[in-house]
């Protein structure tokens, strides 16, 4: 059994990154540009977009809206502290519970 902190590191944060990457690509941003905006490797973006990494989490609608706003800010070139915004999203996702997100059952055994 994993601790709530492990769930955050292995599931929630990769899920947030994947959702941001998918949202940016959906809006027409190239994977290379997504990589630059998010300060992750192009390979990580490819895995996020293809559903190989960060795919096994489902966020509530309010969290998806926060992620969408972050993607919009990144896309518009607004000054964004990505780490701070991701932390805010993660805190909001957790709320009063330890880890109130739905983790899908089909685990790959690979880290987020």
PDB file of N, CA and C in Angstrom:
ATOM      1  N   UNK A   1       0.841  -1.174   0.000  1.00  0.00           N
ATOM      2  CA  UNK A   1       0.000   0.000   0.000  1.00  0.00           C
ATOM      3  C   UNK A   1       0.891   1.245   0.000  1.00  0.00           C
ATOM      4  N   UNK A   2       0.539   2.207  -0.852  1.00  0.00           N
ATOM      5  CA  UNK A   2       1.316   3.436  -0.937  1.00  0.00           C
ATOM      6  C   UNK A   2       0.740   4.507  -0.019  1.00  0.00           C
ATOM      7  N   UNK A   3       1.621   5.340   0.481  1.00  0.00           N
ATOM      8  CA  UNK A   3       1.184   6.455   1.322  1.00  0.00           C
ATOM      9  C   UNK A   3       0.575   7.544   0.445  1.00  0.00           C
ATOM     10  N   UNK A   4      -0.189   8.454   1.042  1.00  0.00           N
ATOM     11  CA  UNK A   4      -0.757   9.552   0.265  1.00  0.00           C
ATOM     12  C   UNK A   4       0.314  10.365  -0.473  1.00  0.00           C
ATOM     13  N   UNK A   5       1.454  10.554   0.139  1.00  0.00           N
ATOM     14  CA  UNK A   5       2.535  11.311  -0.515  1.00  0.00           C
ATOM     15  C   UNK A   5       3.030  10.576  -1.756  1.00  0.00           C
ATOM     16  N   UNK A   6       3.124   9.264  -1.676  1.00  0.00           N
ATOM     17  CA  UNK A   6       3.538   8.487  -2.844  1.00  0.00           C
ATOM     18  C   UNK A   6       2.507   8.608  -3.959  1.00  0.00           C
ATOM     19  N   UNK A   7       1.230   8.628  -3.603  1.00  0.00           N
ATOM     20  CA  UNK A   7       0.178   8.804  -4.608  1.00  0.00           C
ATOM     21  C   UNK A   7       0.354  10.135  -5.325  1.00  0.00           C
ATOM     22  N   UNK A   8       0.698  11.164  -4.573  1.00  0.00           N
ATOM     23  CA  UNK A   8       0.900  12.488  -5.176  1.00  0.00           C
ATOM     24  C   UNK A   8       2.060  12.443  -6.155  1.00  0.00           C
ATOM     25  N   UNK A   9       3.188  11.893  -5.724  1.00  0.00           N
ATOM     26  CA  UNK A   9       4.390  11.866  -6.564  1.00  0.00           C
ATOM     27  C   UNK A   9       4.221  10.975  -7.784  1.00  0.00           C
ATOM     28  N   UNK A  10       3.623   9.820  -7.597  1.00  0.00           N
ATOM     29  CA  UNK A  10       3.539   8.837  -8.693  1.00  0.00           C
ATOM     30  C   UNK A  10       2.314   9.006  -9.568  1.00  0.00           C
ATOM     31  N   UNK A  11       1.259   9.623  -9.062  1.00  0.00           N
ATOM     32  CA  UNK A  11       0.014   9.705  -9.822  1.00  0.00           C
ATOM     33  C   UNK A  11      -0.439  11.132 -10.088  1.00  0.00           C
ATOM     34  N   UNK A  12      -0.576  11.934  -9.042  1.00  0.00           N
ATOM     35  CA  UNK A  12      -1.200  13.250  -9.185  1.00  0.00           C
ATOM     36  C   UNK A  12      -0.334  14.205  -9.995  1.00  0.00           C
ATOM     37  N   UNK A  13       0.918  14.378  -9.631  1.00  0.00           N
ATOM     38  CA  UNK A  13       1.772  15.320 -10.360  1.00  0.00           C
ATOM     39  C   UNK A  13       1.962  14.925 -11.824  1.00  0.00           C
ATOM     40  N   UNK A  14       2.252  13.648 -12.128  1.00  0.00           N
ATOM     41  CA  UNK A  14       2.309  13.276 -13.547  1.00  0.00           C
ATOM     42  C   UNK A  14       0.964  13.473 -14.248  1.00  0.00           C
ATOM     43  N   UNK A  15      -0.124  13.254 -13.537  1.00  0.00           N
ATOM     44  CA  UNK A  15      -1.441  13.472 -14.122  1.00  0.00           C
ATOM     45  C   UNK A  15      -1.679  14.935 -14.449  1.00  0.00           C
ATOM     46  N   UNK A  16      -1.244  15.828 -13.568  1.00  0.00           N
ATOM     47  CA  UNK A  16      -1.358  17.266 -13.831  1.00  0.00           C
ATOM     48  C   UNK A  16      -0.514  17.629 -15.051  1.00  0.00           C
ATOM     49  N   UNK A  17       0.726  17.158 -15.077  1.00  0.00           N
ATOM     50  CA  UNK A  17       1.608  17.449 -16.221  1.00  0.00           C
ATOM     51  C   UNK A  17       1.004  16.917 -17.525  1.00  0.00           C
ATOM     52  N   UNK A  18       0.497  15.695 -17.488  1.00  0.00           N
ATOM     53  CA  UNK A  18      -0.086  15.097 -18.684  1.00  0.00           C
ATOM     54  C   UNK A  18      -1.290  15.899 -19.158  1.00  0.00           C
ATOM     55  N   UNK A  19      -2.123  16.325 -18.235  1.00  0.00           N
ATOM     56  CA  UNK A  19      -3.313  17.081 -18.609  1.00  0.00           C
ATOM     57  C   UNK A  19      -2.940  18.436 -19.189  1.00  0.00           C
ATOM     58  N   UNK A  20      -1.921  19.090 -18.619  1.00  0.00           N
ATOM     59  CA  UNK A  20      -1.436  20.357 -19.174  1.00  0.00           C
ATOM     60  C   UNK A  20      -0.925  20.132 -20.591  1.00  0.00           C
ATOM     61  N   UNK A  21      -0.076  19.120 -20.771  1.00  0.00           N
ATOM     62  CA  UNK A  21       0.501  18.835 -22.086  1.00  0.00           C
ATOM     63  C   UNK A  21      -0.602  18.529 -23.099  1.00  0.00           C
ATOM     64  N   UNK A  22      -1.554  17.710 -22.728  1.00  0.00           N
ATOM     65  CA  UNK A  22      -2.647  17.359 -23.635  1.00  0.00           C
ATOM     66  C   UNK A  22      -3.468  18.589 -23.999  1.00  0.00           C
ATOM     67  N   UNK A  23      -3.717  19.438 -23.021  1.00  0.00           N
ATOM     68  CA  UNK A  23      -4.494  20.657 -23.262  1.00  0.00           C
ATOM     69  C   UNK A  23      -3.756  21.592 -24.225  1.00  0.00           C
ATOM     70  N   UNK A  24      -2.460  21.751 -24.037  1.00  0.00           N
ATOM     71  CA  UNK A  24      -1.681  22.617 -24.926  1.00  0.00           C
ATOM     72  C   UNK A  24      -1.651  22.068 -26.350  1.00  0.00           C
ATOM     73  N   UNK A  25      -1.443  20.766 -26.490  1.00  0.00           N
ATOM     74  CA  UNK A  25      -1.414  20.154 -27.819  1.00  0.00           C
ATOM     75  C   UNK A  25      -2.786  20.279 -28.475  1.00  0.00           C
ATOM     76  N   UNK A  26      -3.843  20.086 -27.704  1.00  0.00           N
ATOM     77  CA  UNK A  26      -5.203  20.227 -28.224  1.00  0.00           C
ATOM     78  C   UNK A  26      -5.435  21.637 -28.765  1.00  0.00           C
ATOM     79  N   UNK A  27      -4.765  22.609 -28.161  1.00  0.00           N
ATOM     80  CA  UNK A  27      -4.902  24.008 -28.585  1.00  0.00           C
ATOM     81  C   UNK A  27      -3.948  24.361 -29.729  1.00  0.00           C
ATOM     82  N   UNK A  28      -3.223  23.372 -30.232  1.00  0.00           N
ATOM     83  CA  UNK A  28      -2.382  23.602 -31.398  1.00  0.00           C
ATOM     84  C   UNK A  28      -0.921  23.900 -31.120  1.00  0.00           C
ATOM     85  N   UNK A  29      -0.495  23.775 -29.874  1.00  0.00           N
ATOM     86  CA  UNK A  29       0.902  24.003 -29.530  1.00  0.00           C
ATOM     87  C   UNK A  29       1.688  22.732 -29.867  1.00  0.00           C
ATOM     88  N   UNK A  30       2.834  22.888 -30.503  1.00  0.00           N
ATOM     89  CA  UNK A  30       3.644  21.722 -30.861  1.00  0.00           C
ATOM     90  C   UNK A  30       4.198  21.052 -29.604  1.00  0.00           C
ATOM     91  N   UNK A  31       4.480  19.769 -29.724  1.00  0.00           N
ATOM     92  CA  UNK A  31       5.046  19.043 -28.581  1.00  0.00           C
ATOM     93  C   UNK A  31       6.392  19.635 -28.174  1.00  0.00           C
ATOM     94  N   UNK A  32       7.174  20.088 -29.143  1.00  0.00           N
ATOM     95  CA  UNK A  32       8.468  20.700 -28.815  1.00  0.00           C
ATOM     96  C   UNK A  32       8.266  21.969 -27.993  1.00  0.00           C
ATOM     97  N   UNK A  33       7.267  22.777 -28.370  1.00  0.00           N
ATOM     98  CA  UNK A  33       6.979  24.002 -27.624  1.00  0.00           C
ATOM     99  C   UNK A  33       6.415  23.674 -26.246  1.00  0.00           C
ATOM    100  N   UNK A  34       5.583  22.651 -26.162  1.00  0.00           N
ATOM    101  CA  UNK A  34       5.069  22.209 -24.867  1.00  0.00           C
ATOM    102  C   UNK A  34       6.232  21.818 -23.965  1.00  0.00           C
ATOM    103  N   UNK A  35       7.186  21.110 -24.522  1.00  0.00           N
ATOM    104  CA  UNK A  35       8.373  20.713 -23.772  1.00  0.00           C
ATOM    105  C   UNK A  35       9.087  21.935 -23.201  1.00  0.00           C
ATOM    106  N   UNK A  36       9.227  22.957 -24.033  1.00  0.00           N
ATOM    107  CA  UNK A  36       9.901  24.185 -23.589  1.00  0.00           C
ATOM    108  C   UNK A  36       9.083  24.896 -22.519  1.00  0.00           C
ATOM    109  N   UNK A  37       7.789  25.034 -22.751  1.00  0.00           N
ATOM    110  CA  UNK A  37       6.923  25.744 -21.805  1.00  0.00           C
ATOM    111  C   UNK A  37       6.872  25.070 -20.442  1.00  0.00           C
ATOM    112  N   UNK A  38       6.895  23.742 -20.455  1.00  0.00           N
ATOM    113  CA  UNK A  38       6.762  22.985 -19.211  1.00  0.00           C
ATOM    114  C   UNK A  38       8.101  22.590 -18.605  1.00  0.00           C
ATOM    115  N   UNK A  39       9.177  22.858 -19.322  1.00  0.00           N
ATOM    116  CA  UNK A  39      10.526  22.504 -18.864  1.00  0.00           C
ATOM    117  C   UNK A  39      10.649  21.006 -18.575  1.00  0.00           C
ATOM    118  N   UNK A  40      10.144  20.217 -19.538  1.00  0.00           N
ATOM    119  CA  UNK A  40      10.286  18.762 -19.494  1.00  0.00           C
ATOM    120  C   UNK A  40      10.843  18.319 -20.841  1.00  0.00           C
ATOM    121  N   UNK A  41      11.293  17.103 -20.917  1.00  0.00           N
ATOM    122  CA  UNK A  41      11.871  16.620 -22.168  1.00  0.00           C
ATOM    123  C   UNK A  41      10.787  16.391 -23.220  1.00  0.00           C
ATOM    124  N   UNK A  42      11.162  16.475 -24.494  1.00  0.00           N
ATOM    125  CA  UNK A  42      10.199  16.151 -25.545  1.00  0.00           C
ATOM    126  C   UNK A  42       9.654  14.720 -25.410  1.00  0.00           C
ATOM    127  N   UNK A  43      10.498  13.812 -24.948  1.00  0.00           N
ATOM    128  CA  UNK A  43      10.051  12.428 -24.752  1.00  0.00           C
ATOM    129  C   UNK A  43       8.950  12.360 -23.693  1.00  0.00           C
ATOM    130  N   UNK A  44       9.097  13.141 -22.621  1.00  0.00           N
ATOM    131  CA  UNK A  44       8.061  13.155 -21.578  1.00  0.00           C
ATOM    132  C   UNK A  44       6.754  13.679 -22.153  1.00  0.00           C
ATOM    133  N   UNK A  45       6.816  14.750 -22.949  1.00  0.00           N
ATOM    134  CA  UNK A  45       5.609  15.296 -23.559  1.00  0.00           C
ATOM    135  C   UNK A  45       4.950  14.249 -24.452  1.00  0.00           C
ATOM    136  N   UNK A  46       5.746  13.563 -25.236  1.00  0.00           N
ATOM    137  CA  UNK A  46       5.217  12.513 -26.109  1.00  0.00           C
ATOM    138  C   UNK A  46       4.488  11.451 -25.289  1.00  0.00           C
ATOM    139  N   UNK A  47       5.079  11.057 -24.161  1.00  0.00           N
ATOM    140  CA  UNK A  47       4.439  10.054 -23.307  1.00  0.00           C
ATOM    141  C   UNK A  47       3.167  10.601 -22.660  1.00  0.00           C
ATOM    142  N   UNK A  48       3.177  11.871 -22.269  1.00  0.00           N
ATOM    143  CA  UNK A  48       1.971  12.473 -21.694  1.00  0.00           C
ATOM    144  C   UNK A  48       0.849  12.507 -22.719  1.00  0.00           C
ATOM    145  N   UNK A  49       1.175  12.936 -23.933  1.00  0.00           N
ATOM    146  CA  UNK A  49       0.164  13.098 -24.969  1.00  0.00           C
ATOM    147  C   UNK A  49      -0.370  11.750 -25.459  1.00  0.00           C
ATOM    148  N   UNK A  50       0.490  10.759 -25.511  1.00  0.00           N
ATOM    149  CA  UNK A  50       0.069   9.438 -26.000  1.00  0.00           C
ATOM    150  C   UNK A  50      -0.610   8.589 -24.922  1.00  0.00           C
ATOM    151  N   UNK A  51      -0.632   9.070 -23.692  1.00  0.00           N
ATOM    152  CA  UNK A  51      -1.287   8.325 -22.626  1.00  0.00           C
ATOM    153  C   UNK A  51      -0.418   7.245 -22.005  1.00  0.00           C
ATOM    154  N   UNK A  52       0.884   7.320 -22.213  1.00  0.00           N
ATOM    155  CA  UNK A  52       1.796   6.335 -21.618  1.00  0.00           C
ATOM    156  C   UNK A  52       2.289   6.768 -20.242  1.00  0.00           C
ATOM    157  N   UNK A  53       2.113   8.036 -19.921  1.00  0.00           N
ATOM    158  CA  UNK A  53       2.577   8.564 -18.636  1.00  0.00           C
ATOM    159  C   UNK A  53       1.526   9.541 -18.124  1.00  0.00           C
ATOM    160  N   UNK A  54       1.207   9.431 -16.850  1.00  0.00           N
ATOM    161  CA  UNK A  54       0.249  10.343 -16.236  1.00  0.00           C
ATOM    162  C   UNK A  54      -1.183  10.137 -16.695  1.00  0.00           C
ATOM    163  N   UNK A  55      -1.473   8.978 -17.243  1.00  0.00           N
ATOM    164  CA  UNK A  55      -2.781   8.717 -17.838  1.00  0.00           C
ATOM    165  C   UNK A  55      -3.809   8.160 -16.862  1.00  0.00           C
ATOM    166  N   UNK A  56      -3.375   7.678 -15.733  1.00  0.00           N
ATOM    167  CA  UNK A  56      -4.269   6.873 -14.902  1.00  0.00           C
ATOM    168  C   UNK A  56      -4.917   7.654 -13.762  1.00  0.00           C
ATOM    169  N   UNK A  57      -5.196   8.896 -14.010  1.00  0.00           N
ATOM    170  CA  UNK A  57      -5.861   9.697 -12.983  1.00  0.00           C
ATOM    171  C   UNK A  57      -6.971  10.501 -13.649  1.00  0.00           C
ATOM    172  N   UNK A  58      -8.073  10.646 -12.939  1.00  0.00           N
ATOM    173  CA  UNK A  58      -9.201  11.420 -13.434  1.00  0.00           C
ATOM    174  C   UNK A  58      -9.435  12.560 -12.453  1.00  0.00           C
ATOM    175  N   UNK A  59      -9.338  13.787 -12.960  1.00  0.00           N
ATOM    176  CA  UNK A  59      -9.535  14.955 -12.100  1.00  0.00           C
ATOM    177  C   UNK A  59     -10.981  15.417 -12.135  1.00  0.00           C
ATOM    178  N   UNK A  60     -11.406  15.997 -11.015  1.00  0.00           N
ATOM    179  CA  UNK A  60     -12.725  16.620 -10.960  1.00  0.00           C
ATOM    180  C   UNK A  60     -12.771  17.768 -11.973  1.00  0.00           C
ATOM    181  N   UNK A  61     -13.970  18.189 -12.319  1.00  0.00           N
ATOM    182  CA  UNK A  61     -14.128  19.270 -13.300  1.00  0.00           C
ATOM    183  C   UNK A  61     -13.456  20.561 -12.851  1.00  0.00           C
ATOM    184  N   UNK A  62     -13.552  20.908 -11.566  1.00  0.00           N
ATOM    185  CA  UNK A  62     -12.942  22.158 -11.100  1.00  0.00           C
ATOM    186  C   UNK A  62     -11.419  22.118 -11.232  1.00  0.00           C
ATOM    187  N   UNK A  63     -10.833  20.956 -11.046  1.00  0.00           N
ATOM    188  CA  UNK A  63      -9.378  20.821 -11.194  1.00  0.00           C
ATOM    189  C   UNK A  63      -9.010  20.904 -12.665  1.00  0.00           C
ATOM    190  N   UNK A  64      -9.787  20.279 -13.514  1.00  0.00           N
ATOM    191  CA  UNK A  64      -9.537  20.367 -14.966  1.00  0.00           C
ATOM    192  C   UNK A  64      -9.620  21.818 -15.435  1.00  0.00           C
ATOM    193  N   UNK A  65     -10.537  22.594 -14.862  1.00  0.00           N
ATOM    194  CA  UNK A  65     -10.647  24.014 -15.215  1.00  0.00           C
ATOM    195  C   UNK A  65      -9.394  24.778 -14.797  1.00  0.00           C
ATOM    196  N   UNK A  66      -8.877  24.474 -13.608  1.00  0.00           N
ATOM    197  CA  UNK A  66      -7.636  25.121 -13.144  1.00  0.00           C
ATOM    198  C   UNK A  66      -6.477  24.776 -14.084  1.00  0.00           C
ATOM    199  N   UNK A  67      -6.403  23.522 -14.476  1.00  0.00           N
ATOM    200  CA  UNK A  67      -5.345  23.083 -15.386  1.00  0.00           C
ATOM    201  C   UNK A  67      -5.504  23.776 -16.737  1.00  0.00           C
ATOM    202  N   UNK A  68      -6.729  23.920 -17.193  1.00  0.00           N
ATOM    203  CA  UNK A  68      -6.991  24.599 -18.458  1.00  0.00           C
ATOM    204  C   UNK A  68      -6.556  26.059 -18.395  1.00  0.00           C
ATOM    205  N   UNK A  69      -6.825  26.725 -17.276  1.00  0.00           N
ATOM    206  CA  UNK A  69      -6.384  28.120 -17.104  1.00  0.00           C
ATOM    207  C   UNK A  69      -4.864  28.217 -17.117  1.00  0.00           C
ATOM    208  N   UNK A  70      -4.216  27.257 -16.479  1.00  0.00           N
ATOM    209  CA  UNK A  70      -2.747  27.246 -16.478  1.00  0.00           C
ATOM    210  C   UNK A  70      -2.224  27.047 -17.897  1.00  0.00           C
ATOM    211  N   UNK A  71      -2.816  26.127 -18.630  1.00  0.00           N
ATOM    212  CA  UNK A  71      -2.400  25.897 -20.017  1.00  0.00           C
ATOM    213  C   UNK A  71      -2.587  27.162 -20.841  1.00  0.00           C
ATOM    214  N   UNK A  72      -3.702  27.839 -20.646  1.00  0.00           N
ATOM    215  CA  UNK A  72      -3.976  29.095 -21.367  1.00  0.00           C
ATOM    216  C   UNK A  72      -2.905  30.135 -21.049  1.00  0.00           C
ATOM    217  N   UNK A  73      -2.566  30.271 -19.775  1.00  0.00           N
ATOM    218  CA  UNK A  73      -1.535  31.238 -19.374  1.00  0.00           C
ATOM    219  C   UNK A  73      -0.188  30.885 -19.996  1.00  0.00           C
ATOM    220  N   UNK A  74       0.161  29.610 -19.992  1.00  0.00           N
ATOM    221  CA  UNK A  74       1.419  29.186 -20.615  1.00  0.00           C
ATOM    222  C   UNK A  74       1.415  29.502 -22.107  1.00  0.00           C
ATOM    223  N   UNK A  75       0.312  29.200 -22.759  1.00  0.00           N
ATOM    224  CA  UNK A  75       0.188  29.396 -24.191  1.00  0.00           C
ATOM    225  C   UNK A  75       0.274  30.882 -24.557  1.00  0.00           C
ATOM    226  N   UNK A  76      -0.291  31.736 -23.716  1.00  0.00           N
ATOM    227  CA  UNK A  76      -0.301  33.174 -23.973  1.00  0.00           C
ATOM    228  C   UNK A  76       1.002  33.861 -23.595  1.00  0.00           C
ATOM    229  N   UNK A  77       1.935  33.099 -23.029  1.00  0.00           N
ATOM    230  CA  UNK A  77       3.216  33.678 -22.644  1.00  0.00           C
ATOM    231  C   UNK A  77       3.165  34.507 -21.376  1.00  0.00           C
ATOM    232  N   UNK A  78       2.088  34.340 -20.605  1.00  0.00           N
ATOM    233  CA  UNK A  78       1.994  35.052 -19.337  1.00  0.00           C
ATOM    234  C   UNK A  78       3.086  34.554 -18.393  1.00  0.00           C
ATOM    235  N   UNK A  79       3.562  35.443 -17.550  1.00  0.00           N
ATOM    236  CA  UNK A  79       4.565  35.053 -16.566  1.00  0.00           C
ATOM    237  C   UNK A  79       3.911  34.066 -15.598  1.00  0.00           C
ATOM    238  N   UNK A  80       4.370  32.834 -15.646  1.00  0.00           N
ATOM    239  CA  UNK A  80       3.773  31.770 -14.844  1.00  0.00           C
ATOM    240  C   UNK A  80       4.859  31.084 -14.038  1.00  0.00           C
ATOM    241  N   UNK A  81       4.622  30.957 -12.736  1.00  0.00           N
ATOM    242  CA  UNK A  81       5.487  30.124 -11.910  1.00  0.00           C
ATOM    243  C   UNK A  81       4.854  28.738 -11.947  1.00  0.00           C
ATOM    244  N   UNK A  82       5.352  27.904 -12.863  1.00  0.00           N
ATOM    245  CA  UNK A  82       4.739  26.604 -13.113  1.00  0.00           C
ATOM    246  C   UNK A  82       4.687  25.743 -11.858  1.00  0.00           C
ATOM    247  N   UNK A  83       5.758  25.725 -11.097  1.00  0.00           N
ATOM    248  CA  UNK A  83       5.781  24.894  -9.889  1.00  0.00           C
ATOM    249  C   UNK A  83       4.744  25.378  -8.886  1.00  0.00           C
ATOM    250  N   UNK A  84       4.680  26.670  -8.687  1.00  0.00           N
ATOM    251  CA  UNK A  84       3.706  27.215  -7.740  1.00  0.00           C
ATOM    252  C   UNK A  84       2.278  26.899  -8.179  1.00  0.00           C
ATOM    253  N   UNK A  85       1.995  27.072  -9.457  1.00  0.00           N
ATOM    254  CA  UNK A  85       0.641  26.812  -9.959  1.00  0.00           C
ATOM    255  C   UNK A  85       0.298  25.333  -9.861  1.00  0.00           C
ATOM    256  N   UNK A  86       1.263  24.454 -10.164  1.00  0.00           N
ATOM    257  CA  UNK A  86       1.006  23.018 -10.034  1.00  0.00           C
ATOM    258  C   UNK A  86       0.757  22.655  -8.576  1.00  0.00           C
ATOM    259  N   UNK A  87       1.497  23.275  -7.666  1.00  0.00           N
ATOM    260  CA  UNK A  87       1.281  23.025  -6.236  1.00  0.00           C
ATOM    261  C   UNK A  87      -0.119  23.472  -5.824  1.00  0.00           C
ATOM    262  N   UNK A  88      -0.558  24.626  -6.323  1.00  0.00           N
ATOM    263  CA  UNK A  88      -1.904  25.102  -6.008  1.00  0.00           C
ATOM    264  C   UNK A  88      -2.959  24.120  -6.513  1.00  0.00           C
ATOM    265  N   UNK A  89      -2.764  23.628  -7.725  1.00  0.00           N
ATOM    266  CA  UNK A  89      -3.707  22.664  -8.298  1.00  0.00           C
ATOM    267  C   UNK A  89      -3.715  21.386  -7.473  1.00  0.00           C
ATOM    268  N   UNK A  90      -2.535  20.913  -7.094  1.00  0.00           N
ATOM    269  CA  UNK A  90      -2.427  19.693  -6.294  1.00  0.00           C
ATOM    270  C   UNK A  90      -3.121  19.873  -4.946  1.00  0.00           C
ATOM    271  N   UNK A  91      -2.890  21.007  -4.298  1.00  0.00           N
ATOM    272  CA  UNK A  91      -3.535  21.277  -3.009  1.00  0.00           C
ATOM    273  C   UNK A  91      -5.048  21.314  -3.153  1.00  0.00           C
ATOM    274  N   UNK A  92      -5.511  21.945  -4.216  1.00  0.00           N
ATOM    275  CA  UNK A  92      -6.953  22.016  -4.445  1.00  0.00           C
ATOM    276  C   UNK A  92      -7.518  20.625  -4.697  1.00  0.00           C
ATOM    277  N   UNK A  93      -6.789  19.812  -5.435  1.00  0.00           N
ATOM    278  CA  UNK A  93      -7.235  18.451  -5.725  1.00  0.00           C
ATOM    279  C   UNK A  93      -7.347  17.635  -4.443  1.00  0.00           C
ATOM    280  N   UNK A  94      -6.396  17.837  -3.540  1.00  0.00           N
ATOM    281  CA  UNK A  94      -6.412  17.074  -2.291  1.00  0.00           C
ATOM    282  C   UNK A  94      -7.494  17.542  -1.348  1.00  0.00           C
ATOM    283  N   UNK A  95      -7.787  18.839  -1.335  1.00  0.00           N
ATOM    284  CA  UNK A  95      -8.813  19.383  -0.446  1.00  0.00           C
ATOM    285  C   UNK A  95      -8.570  18.961   0.989  1.00  0.00           C
ATOM    286  N   UNK A  96      -9.604  18.515   1.643  1.00  0.00           N
ATOM    287  CA  UNK A  96      -9.508  18.078   3.030  1.00  0.00           C
ATOM    288  C   UNK A  96      -9.113  16.615   3.142  1.00  0.00           C
ATOM    289  N   UNK A  97      -9.199  15.909   2.037  1.00  0.00           N
ATOM    290  CA  UNK A  97      -8.872  14.489   2.056  1.00  0.00           C
ATOM    291  C   UNK A  97      -7.384  14.295   1.783  1.00  0.00           C
ATOM    292  N   UNK A  98      -6.894  13.107   2.040  1.00  0.00           N
ATOM    293  CA  UNK A  98      -5.489  12.827   1.777  1.00  0.00           C
ATOM    294  C   UNK A  98      -5.204  12.780   0.284  1.00  0.00           C
ATOM    295  N   UNK A  99      -6.048  12.132  -0.472  1.00  0.00           N
ATOM    296  CA  UNK A  99      -5.842  12.031  -1.908  1.00  0.00           C
ATOM    297  C   UNK A  99      -7.183  11.759  -2.584  1.00  0.00           C
ATOM    298  N   UNK A 100      -7.975  12.813  -2.825  1.00  0.00           N
ATOM    299  CA  UNK A 100      -9.338  12.624  -3.300  1.00  0.00           C
ATOM    300  C   UNK A 100      -9.462  12.510  -4.813  1.00  0.00           C
ATOM    301  N   UNK A 101      -8.508  11.879  -5.441  1.00  0.00           N
ATOM    302  CA  UNK A 101      -8.590  11.704  -6.881  1.00  0.00           C
ATOM    303  C   UNK A 101      -8.825  10.239  -7.176  1.00  0.00           C
ATOM    304  N   UNK A 102      -9.436   9.984  -8.289  1.00  0.00           N
ATOM    305  CA  UNK A 102      -9.703   8.609  -8.684  1.00  0.00           C
ATOM    306  C   UNK A 102      -8.503   8.074  -9.443  1.00  0.00           C
ATOM    307  N   UNK A 103      -7.907   7.017  -8.934  1.00  0.00           N
ATOM    308  CA  UNK A 103      -6.782   6.379  -9.603  1.00  0.00           C
ATOM    309  C   UNK A 103      -7.349   5.207 -10.394  1.00  0.00           C
ATOM    310  N   UNK A 104      -7.102   5.200 -11.681  1.00  0.00           N
ATOM    311  CA  UNK A 104      -7.608   4.111 -12.515  1.00  0.00           C
ATOM    312  C   UNK A 104      -6.905   2.820 -12.162  1.00  0.00           C
ATOM    313  N   UNK A 105      -7.593   1.744 -12.341  1.00  0.00           N
ATOM    314  CA  UNK A 105      -7.071   0.438 -11.964  1.00  0.00           C
ATOM    315  C   UNK A 105      -5.980  -0.077 -12.890  1.00  0.00           C
ATOM    316  N   UNK A 106      -6.009   0.284 -14.164  1.00  0.00           N
ATOM    317  CA  UNK A 106      -5.049  -0.286 -15.105  1.00  0.00           C
ATOM    318  C   UNK A 106      -3.678   0.365 -14.953  1.00  0.00           C
ATOM    319  N   UNK A 107      -2.945  -0.074 -13.975  1.00  0.00           N
ATOM    320  CA  UNK A 107      -1.596   0.422 -13.711  1.00  0.00           C
ATOM    321  C   UNK A 107      -0.601  -0.278 -14.622  1.00  0.00           C
ATOM    322  N   UNK A 108       0.412   0.453 -15.062  1.00  0.00           N
ATOM    323  CA  UNK A 108       1.418  -0.153 -15.933  1.00  0.00           C
ATOM    324  C   UNK A 108       2.615  -0.667 -15.148  1.00  0.00           C
ATOM    325  N   UNK A 109       2.725  -0.200 -13.902  1.00  0.00           N
ATOM    326  CA  UNK A 109       3.910  -0.555 -13.126  1.00  0.00           C
ATOM    327  C   UNK A 109       5.058   0.409 -13.383  1.00  0.00           C
ATOM    328  N   UNK A 110       4.851   1.346 -14.317  1.00  0.00           N
ATOM    329  CA  UNK A 110       5.895   2.314 -14.616  1.00  0.00           C
ATOM    330  C   UNK A 110       5.590   3.600 -13.869  1.00  0.00           C
ATOM    331  N   UNK A 111       6.613   4.309 -13.396  1.00  0.00           N
ATOM    332  CA  UNK A 111       6.375   5.565 -12.708  1.00  0.00           C
ATOM    333  C   UNK A 111       5.771   6.587 -13.658  1.00  0.00           C
ATOM    334  N   UNK A 112       4.887   7.476 -13.084  1.00  0.00           N
ATOM    335  CA  UNK A 112       4.176   8.526 -13.786  1.00  0.00           C
ATOM    336  C   UNK A 112       4.969   9.127 -14.843  1.00  0.00           C
TER     337      UNK A 112
END
